[in-house]
Amino acid sequence: MIPDVIGVTWKEILVVAFMAGGVWFELKAIRRDIKRLEQKQDKYNNLQERTHLLELWRQEHEEKSSHARI
């Protein structure tokens, strides 16, 4: 009876170890995806900032040109 209990225990330990490995792999993949999404968000935010600065610059030059015409 003791060998049966030991056999089941080793099987359970192996199952838990493989499950932990699967969870670790998934967490690693999730972290990689989050990092990639953060990079895309940073790129988008940078684009928005540059667009806003360009719009301000354009408005400023339109005002200058309209004052020059008057």
C-alpha atoms as a PDB file:
ATOM      1  CA  MET A   1       0.000   0.000   0.000  1.00  0.00           C
ATOM      2  CA  ILE A   2       2.844   2.405   0.697  1.00  0.00           C
ATOM      3  CA  PRO A   3       4.243   2.220  -2.889  1.00  0.00           C
ATOM      4  CA  ASP A   4       0.807   3.183  -4.246  1.00  0.00           C
ATOM      5  CA  VAL A   5       0.665   6.278  -2.047  1.00  0.00           C
ATOM      6  CA  ILE A   6       4.199   7.274  -3.045  1.00  0.00           C
ATOM      7  CA  GLY A   7       3.367   6.752  -6.740  1.00  0.00           C
ATOM      8  CA  VAL A   8       0.330   8.984  -6.543  1.00  0.00           C
ATOM      9  CA  THR A   9       2.298  11.625  -4.677  1.00  0.00           C
ATOM     10  CA  TRP A  10       5.015  11.719  -7.357  1.00  0.00           C
ATOM     11  CA  LYS A  11       2.397  11.962 -10.082  1.00  0.00           C
ATOM     12  CA  GLU A  12       0.722  14.856  -8.297  1.00  0.00           C
ATOM     13  CA  ILE A  13       4.068  16.599  -7.826  1.00  0.00           C
ATOM     14  CA  LEU A  14       4.854  16.227 -11.530  1.00  0.00           C
ATOM     15  CA  VAL A  15       1.418  17.540 -12.516  1.00  0.00           C
ATOM     16  CA  VAL A  16       1.839  20.575 -10.272  1.00  0.00           C
ATOM     17  CA  ALA A  17       5.352  21.191 -11.615  1.00  0.00           C
ATOM     18  CA  PHE A  18       4.175  21.055 -15.247  1.00  0.00           C
ATOM     19  CA  MET A  19       1.218  23.301 -14.462  1.00  0.00           C
ATOM     20  CA  ALA A  20       3.518  25.801 -12.766  1.00  0.00           C
ATOM     21  CA  GLY A  21       5.742  25.743 -15.854  1.00  0.00           C
ATOM     22  CA  GLY A  22       2.734  26.432 -18.074  1.00  0.00           C
ATOM     23  CA  VAL A  23       1.600  29.309 -15.876  1.00  0.00           C
ATOM     24  CA  TRP A  24       5.124  30.759 -15.859  1.00  0.00           C
ATOM     25  CA  PHE A  25       5.271  30.563 -19.669  1.00  0.00           C
ATOM     26  CA  GLU A  26       1.892  32.302 -19.992  1.00  0.00           C
ATOM     27  CA  LEU A  27       2.945  35.060 -17.579  1.00  0.00           C
ATOM     28  CA  LYS A  28       6.104  35.575 -19.604  1.00  0.00           C
ATOM     29  CA  ALA A  29       4.040  35.884 -22.791  1.00  0.00           C
ATOM     30  CA  ILE A  30       1.640  38.325 -21.110  1.00  0.00           C
ATOM     31  CA  ARG A  31       4.535  40.479 -19.905  1.00  0.00           C
ATOM     32  CA  ARG A  32       5.963  40.524 -23.433  1.00  0.00           C
ATOM     33  CA  ASP A  33       2.578  41.559 -24.859  1.00  0.00           C
ATOM     34  CA  ILE A  34       2.190  44.316 -22.260  1.00  0.00           C
ATOM     35  CA  LYS A  35       5.669  45.637 -23.048  1.00  0.00           C
ATOM     36  CA  ARG A  36       4.859  45.666 -26.768  1.00  0.00           C
ATOM     37  CA  LEU A  37       1.574  47.481 -26.155  1.00  0.00           C
ATOM     38  CA  GLU A  38       3.321  50.049 -23.934  1.00  0.00           C
ATOM     39  CA  GLN A  39       5.806  50.724 -26.720  1.00  0.00           C
ATOM     40  CA  LYS A  40       2.968  51.203 -29.214  1.00  0.00           C
ATOM     41  CA  GLN A  41       1.192  53.537 -26.775  1.00  0.00           C
ATOM     42  CA  ASP A  42       4.375  55.579 -26.269  1.00  0.00           C
ATOM     43  CA  LYS A  43       4.774  55.855 -30.030  1.00  0.00           C
ATOM     44  CA  TYR A  44       1.158  57.014 -30.388  1.00  0.00           C
ATOM     45  CA  ASN A  45       1.504  59.540 -27.549  1.00  0.00           C
ATOM     46  CA  ASN A  46       4.669  60.931 -29.143  1.00  0.00           C
ATOM     47  CA  LEU A  47       2.800  61.330 -32.429  1.00  0.00           C
ATOM     48  CA  GLN A  48      -0.043  63.155 -30.674  1.00  0.00           C
ATOM     49  CA  GLU A  49       2.402  65.525 -28.973  1.00  0.00           C
ATOM     50  CA  ARG A  50       4.146  66.297 -32.250  1.00  0.00           C
ATOM     51  CA  THR A  51       0.808  66.827 -34.001  1.00  0.00           C
ATOM     52  CA  HIS A  52      -0.286  69.236 -31.281  1.00  0.00           C
ATOM     53  CA  LEU A  53       2.988  71.187 -31.515  1.00  0.00           C
ATOM     54  CA  LEU A  54       2.658  71.330 -35.299  1.00  0.00           C
ATOM     55  CA  GLU A  55      -0.883  72.656 -34.975  1.00  0.00           C
ATOM     56  CA  LEU A  56       0.269  75.358 -32.545  1.00  0.00           C
ATOM     57  CA  TRP A  57       3.112  76.320 -34.887  1.00  0.00           C
ATOM     58  CA  ARG A  58       0.704  76.502 -37.848  1.00  0.00           C
ATOM     59  CA  GLN A  59      -1.736  78.698 -35.944  1.00  0.00           C
ATOM     60  CA  GLU A  60       1.058  80.993 -34.840  1.00  0.00           C
ATOM     61  CA  HIS A  61       2.307  81.455 -38.404  1.00  0.00           C
ATOM     62  CA  GLU A  62      -1.206  82.035 -39.728  1.00  0.00           C
ATOM     63  CA  GLU A  63      -1.665  84.808 -37.173  1.00  0.00           C
ATOM     64  CA  LYS A  64       1.660  86.377 -38.156  1.00  0.00           C
ATOM     65  CA  SER A  65       0.805  86.251 -41.843  1.00  0.00           C
ATOM     66  CA  SER A  66      -2.648  87.706 -41.260  1.00  0.00           C
ATOM     67  CA  HIS A  67      -1.123  90.584 -39.237  1.00  0.00           C
ATOM     68  CA  ALA A  68       1.395  91.198 -42.005  1.00  0.00           C
ATOM     69  CA  ARG A  69      -1.422  91.511 -44.562  1.00  0.00           C
ATOM     70  CA  ILE A  70      -3.259  94.098 -42.454  1.00  0.00           C
END
